[in-house]
Each structure stands twice: as C-alpha cells, then as structure tokens.
Amino acid sequence: MAINVRQRLFKFTQNFKTKRMKIFLWCLLSYYILILLTASSENYIKAITFRVLRSLGIMSAERKVYEDHNRYLSSNLAASSRLGNHIFELSALLAMSRKLERIPTFFIQDNWHDLMLQDTDILIPGLVDHFLIINETNLKTESFISKDSPSDSLLFSRHHCDVVMFTAPHSTFGWWMGYFSKGNQVYYTDIRYTNDTAIPQGVLIQDDYFPPHWIPVRYNSRDNATVHETL
C-alpha cells in the first residue's frame, strides 16, 4: 500500500515537469488572480497600491498636512426678528462657543444681519466684539465646471488646492485629487451615510481606503443631509 502511494506521488510530481502541466498551472493562477481583482475591484488595487507605495517611501504617511487648528461655531440667525431675539441668540452662541472652546462667528449675509449687529451693539456695547465677523456681502462666490483633462485636474490640485472636499466617497478620481492636493487637507462624505453598498458587501474597508488624517463629514442619516458633526 505504501509503495503504491509513493508511486502515485512520484508520478504526480513528474507531471509538473511537463510543458502541458506548466501551461495549465499558469492559466489556473491567472484565473484566480482575475477573480480576486474582479471581486475587490478598485478597492483592492488601491489598498495594495497605497501600502506598496508607502513601504517604498514613495507615498509617505508623514506628508505635511495643512491644518487650521482653530475651531468655529456659528448659527443660522433670525436676523429679521426683533431685538430681544438678537440678544438671546448672540448671548447663547457666545456661551456655547466658550463651552466648546470655539470662536463665535457671525456672517453678514444681508442688510438684516448688519442691522442686527448695530442694534445689539447699541444696547449691549462690546458683545459683538467677541465675534469673528465675516461680511459675505463683499465676497464673490464663483463656481465652474472644469473642462480640463483628468491629468490636468490632478496637476491643478497638486499645485493650487489647499483643501479638497469630494462628496462621492467611492470616487477614485476624487481620492487621487485629495491625495495629490497641495495642502493635503481632505474632507469627504462618510460613505456609511450614502447608498453605497461597498461596505455591506464587504469589498471596502474604510481604514484601508481613506488615509487616517482625512476627515469624514457625517450626516444625521442617509435621508437627512444635515451635517451633525462639525469639522
């Protein structure tokens, strides 16, 4: 019995030396690699690429990160209301800012907000001096859809973007825009608050996909896009 087993093992190992068997094994190996890449898609490739580049020193985890260490607090104020409301809102906002160790911020959006500041300062001089006041009426907001090629957009991010935010968290292009950005300060929509099925299906691990210093923007729920966690 032992002799038969040895003979079969010897015959089996001899088959590995044949050209036909080598071709078969290479095809089988290629097939399994294809299945693996297809199953994990870009998430697997990205995770492996991230780790390989970092191990080679090409992609350093210690890149200089542009950070604003200040934290701010503001509110959607009822500027068109009466003076009593103004005093309550500004006093409450100032108190919460001190409690949370943040800078109270007041945005002048129209004439009502400007009048709110003036009336409050007349009644309680010095209260508005505690606020960082930003006059949005003097700010010009411009937006446009880029017509650059993908490569030009990445180069633009590398040389000009201090901060990047992408709202499609599973976007590979958005991911590279963030990584190549000049400031390397990146915000992204927390993928758990979207309808993306990558996490439930087990094909995406957030810790492998997003660098640890990137900041997720969290919402109340998938159906409520109100940001409930400040940046």
Protein backbone atom coordinates (compact mmCIF):
# COMPACT_ATOMS: atom_id res chain seq x y z
CA MET A 1 0.00 0.00 0.00
CA ALA A 2 2.80 2.41 0.93
CA ILE A 3 4.62 1.56 -2.31
CA ASN A 4 1.53 2.40 -4.39
CA VAL A 5 1.15 5.76 -2.66
CA ARG A 6 4.80 6.59 -3.30
CA GLN A 7 4.50 5.61 -6.93
CA ARG A 8 1.44 7.80 -7.39
CA LEU A 9 3.13 10.74 -5.69
CA PHE A 10 6.20 10.29 -7.85
CA LYS A 11 4.09 10.15 -10.99
CA PHE A 12 2.14 13.23 -9.90
CA THR A 13 5.31 15.26 -9.28
CA GLN A 14 6.69 14.21 -12.65
CA ASN A 15 3.63 15.69 -14.31
CA PHE A 16 4.61 19.13 -13.02
CA LYS A 17 7.67 18.99 -15.23
CA THR A 18 5.70 18.61 -18.43
CA LYS A 19 5.04 21.63 -20.63
CA ARG A 20 1.31 20.97 -20.70
CA MET A 21 1.09 20.94 -16.91
CA LYS A 22 3.07 24.20 -16.63
CA ILE A 23 0.71 25.90 -19.06
CA PHE A 24 -2.28 24.59 -17.13
CA LEU A 25 -0.92 25.88 -13.80
CA TRP A 26 -0.16 29.31 -15.26
CA CYS A 27 -3.68 29.56 -16.66
CA LEU A 28 -5.16 28.48 -13.33
CA LEU A 29 -3.07 31.05 -11.45
CA SER A 30 -4.08 33.82 -13.88
CA TYR A 31 -7.72 32.83 -13.49
CA TYR A 32 -7.61 33.12 -9.70
CA ILE A 33 -5.83 36.47 -9.89
CA LEU A 34 -8.50 37.74 -12.28
CA ILE A 35 -11.26 36.61 -9.92
CA LEU A 36 -9.54 38.29 -6.99
CA LEU A 37 -9.14 41.60 -8.80
CA THR A 38 -12.67 41.50 -10.16
CA ALA A 39 -14.20 40.73 -6.77
CA SER A 40 -12.46 43.57 -4.98
CA SER A 41 -12.33 45.87 -7.99
CA GLU A 42 -10.58 49.18 -7.49
CA ASN A 43 -10.73 48.99 -3.70
CA TYR A 44 -8.31 46.07 -3.60
CA ILE A 45 -5.97 47.65 -6.13
CA LYS A 46 -5.99 50.94 -4.27
CA ALA A 47 -5.34 49.36 -0.89
CA ILE A 48 -2.41 47.34 -2.23
CA THR A 49 -1.04 50.34 -4.14
CA PHE A 50 -1.31 52.53 -1.05
CA ARG A 51 0.64 50.06 1.08
CA VAL A 52 3.28 49.27 -1.54
CA LEU A 53 3.99 52.92 -2.30
CA ARG A 54 4.14 53.74 1.37
CA SER A 55 6.54 50.85 2.06
CA LEU A 56 8.80 52.04 -0.76
CA GLY A 57 8.84 55.56 0.61
CA ILE A 58 7.13 56.95 -2.49
CA MET A 59 3.91 57.57 -0.62
CA SER A 60 4.82 58.81 2.83
CA ALA A 61 2.25 58.65 5.59
CA GLU A 62 4.01 61.65 7.17
CA ARG A 63 3.32 64.17 4.40
CA LYS A 64 2.96 67.74 5.57
CA VAL A 65 -0.68 68.39 6.33
CA TYR A 66 -2.18 71.86 6.12
CA GLU A 67 -4.26 72.32 9.23
CA ASP A 68 -6.36 75.09 10.69
CA HIS A 69 -6.23 74.43 14.42
CA ASN A 70 -8.92 76.98 15.12
CA ARG A 71 -12.48 75.77 15.56
CA TYR A 72 -15.53 77.90 14.88
CA LEU A 73 -19.19 78.00 15.83
CA SER A 74 -21.99 79.82 14.04
CA SER A 75 -25.73 79.56 13.54
CA ASN A 76 -28.49 80.38 11.10
CA LEU A 77 -29.57 83.53 12.93
CA ALA A 78 -33.05 85.05 12.70
CA ALA A 79 -31.70 88.44 11.69
CA SER A 80 -35.11 89.80 10.65
CA SER A 81 -36.56 89.25 14.14
CA ARG A 82 -36.73 91.80 16.96
CA LEU A 83 -34.00 92.98 19.32
CA GLY A 84 -34.91 90.53 22.10
CA ASN A 85 -34.27 87.61 19.76
CA HIS A 86 -30.94 89.11 18.74
CA ILE A 87 -29.71 89.37 22.31
CA PHE A 88 -30.81 85.82 23.12
CA GLU A 89 -29.23 84.30 20.01
CA LEU A 90 -25.89 86.10 20.27
CA SER A 91 -25.58 85.51 24.01
CA ALA A 92 -26.37 81.81 23.61
CA LEU A 93 -23.95 81.48 20.69
CA LEU A 94 -21.19 83.17 22.69
CA ALA A 95 -21.82 80.96 25.74
CA MET A 96 -21.79 77.75 23.67
CA SER A 97 -18.60 78.84 21.92
CA ARG A 98 -16.85 79.34 25.24
CA LYS A 99 -18.10 75.98 26.49
CA LEU A 100 -16.89 74.19 23.36
CA GLU A 101 -13.70 76.29 23.15
CA ARG A 102 -14.57 77.62 19.71
CA ILE A 103 -14.55 81.00 18.02
CA PRO A 104 -18.06 82.52 17.73
CA THR A 105 -18.59 83.55 14.13
CA PHE A 106 -21.15 85.96 12.69
CA PHE A 107 -21.87 86.02 8.95
CA ILE A 108 -23.32 89.20 7.48
CA GLN A 109 -25.49 87.86 4.67
CA ASP A 110 -27.73 90.87 4.02
CA ASN A 111 -28.88 94.21 5.48
CA TRP A 112 -30.85 92.44 8.24
CA HIS A 113 -27.66 90.94 9.67
CA ASP A 114 -25.90 94.30 9.50
CA LEU A 115 -28.78 95.95 11.35
CA MET A 116 -28.80 93.14 13.92
CA LEU A 117 -25.17 93.89 14.78
CA GLN A 118 -25.80 97.62 15.07
CA ASP A 119 -28.86 97.30 17.32
CA THR A 120 -27.20 94.77 19.62
CA ASP A 121 -24.05 96.86 19.93
CA ILE A 122 -26.10 99.91 20.95
CA LEU A 123 -27.92 98.03 23.74
CA ILE A 124 -25.02 95.82 24.94
CA PRO A 125 -21.75 97.51 23.91
CA GLY A 126 -18.90 95.07 23.48
CA LEU A 127 -20.98 91.91 22.92
CA VAL A 128 -20.37 91.74 19.18
CA ASP A 129 -16.65 92.37 19.76
CA HIS A 130 -16.33 88.74 20.88
CA PHE A 131 -17.39 87.50 17.43
CA LEU A 132 -15.43 86.89 14.30
CA ILE A 133 -17.47 88.87 11.77
CA ILE A 134 -17.38 87.84 8.13
CA ASN A 135 -19.12 90.10 5.66
CA GLU A 136 -20.39 87.74 2.96
CA THR A 137 -21.97 90.60 1.02
CA ASN A 138 -18.47 91.60 -0.08
CA LEU A 139 -17.49 88.09 -1.08
CA LYS A 140 -17.83 86.97 -4.65
CA THR A 141 -18.56 83.29 -4.97
CA GLU A 142 -17.72 81.77 -8.32
CA SER A 143 -18.12 78.20 -9.41
CA PHE A 144 -17.45 76.47 -12.68
CA ILE A 145 -17.26 73.02 -14.18
CA SER A 146 -13.73 72.17 -15.11
CA LYS A 147 -13.11 71.34 -18.74
CA ASP A 148 -9.57 70.17 -18.07
CA SER A 149 -8.45 66.66 -18.75
CA PRO A 150 -8.21 64.33 -15.71
CA SER A 151 -4.42 64.62 -15.69
CA ASP A 152 -4.57 68.43 -15.78
CA SER A 153 -7.07 68.42 -12.90
CA LEU A 154 -4.72 66.33 -10.78
CA LEU A 155 -1.84 68.68 -11.58
CA PHE A 156 -4.01 71.65 -10.64
CA SER A 157 -4.82 70.04 -7.30
CA ARG A 158 -1.15 69.32 -6.70
CA HIS A 159 -0.11 72.94 -7.13
CA HIS A 160 -3.15 75.01 -6.11
CA CYS A 161 -5.61 73.19 -3.82
CA ASP A 162 -5.02 73.78 -0.12
CA VAL A 163 -8.25 71.98 0.79
CA VAL A 164 -10.21 69.34 -1.14
CA MET A 165 -13.68 68.02 -0.43
CA PHE A 166 -15.33 65.31 -2.50
CA THR A 167 -18.94 64.31 -1.91
CA ALA A 168 -18.79 60.97 -3.75
CA PRO A 169 -16.69 58.98 -1.23
CA HIS A 170 -16.21 55.99 -3.53
CA SER A 171 -14.85 58.15 -6.35
CA THR A 172 -11.34 57.03 -7.22
CA PHE A 173 -10.69 60.30 -9.06
CA GLY A 174 -11.78 62.30 -6.01
CA TRP A 175 -9.49 60.15 -3.88
CA TRP A 176 -6.43 60.96 -6.00
CA MET A 177 -7.44 64.63 -6.19
CA GLY A 178 -7.32 64.68 -2.41
CA TYR A 179 -4.05 62.79 -2.11
CA PHE A 180 -2.20 64.91 -4.67
CA SER A 181 -3.58 68.18 -3.28
CA LYS A 182 -1.16 70.90 -2.26
CA GLY A 183 -2.43 71.28 1.30
CA ASN A 184 -3.27 67.59 1.82
CA GLN A 185 -6.30 68.63 3.91
CA VAL A 186 -9.16 66.49 2.67
CA TYR A 187 -12.82 66.19 3.62
CA TYR A 188 -15.14 63.55 2.21
CA THR A 189 -18.72 62.36 2.72
CA ASP A 190 -18.77 59.49 5.19
CA ILE A 191 -19.60 56.55 2.96
CA ARG A 192 -21.76 54.99 5.68
CA TYR A 193 -24.28 57.80 5.17
CA THR A 194 -24.68 57.10 1.46
CA ASN A 195 -26.40 54.36 -0.52
CA ASP A 196 -23.06 52.82 -1.48
CA THR A 197 -23.15 49.05 -0.99
CA ALA A 198 -19.39 48.52 -0.87
CA ILE A 199 -19.21 48.20 2.93
CA PRO A 200 -22.24 45.87 3.37
CA GLN A 201 -20.87 43.67 0.60
CA GLY A 202 -17.50 43.51 2.32
CA VAL A 203 -15.49 44.86 -0.63
CA LEU A 204 -14.41 48.09 1.09
CA ILE A 205 -12.53 48.61 4.35
CA GLN A 206 -12.57 52.29 5.27
CA ASP A 207 -9.26 52.20 7.18
CA ASP A 208 -7.51 50.88 4.07
CA TYR A 209 -9.31 53.18 1.65
CA PHE A 210 -9.03 56.59 3.35
CA PRO A 211 -5.78 57.93 4.89
CA PRO A 212 -6.18 58.43 8.66
CA HIS A 213 -5.79 62.23 8.61
CA TRP A 214 -8.65 62.73 6.12
CA ILE A 215 -11.84 63.95 7.79
CA PRO A 216 -15.25 62.36 7.09
CA VAL A 217 -18.35 64.57 7.00
CA ARG A 218 -21.16 62.84 8.88
CA TYR A 219 -24.88 63.48 8.45
CA ASN A 220 -27.96 62.79 10.53
CA SER A 221 -28.93 59.88 8.32
CA ARG A 222 -28.92 58.71 4.72
CA ASP A 223 -32.15 60.60 4.09
CA ASN A 224 -31.18 63.74 6.01
CA ALA A 225 -28.19 65.64 4.65
CA THR A 226 -27.88 67.88 7.69
CA VAL A 227 -24.30 67.82 8.93
CA HIS A 228 -24.41 66.79 12.59
CA GLU A 229 -20.69 66.63 13.26
CA THR A 230 -18.61 69.77 12.81
CA LEU A 231 -15.29 69.85 11.04
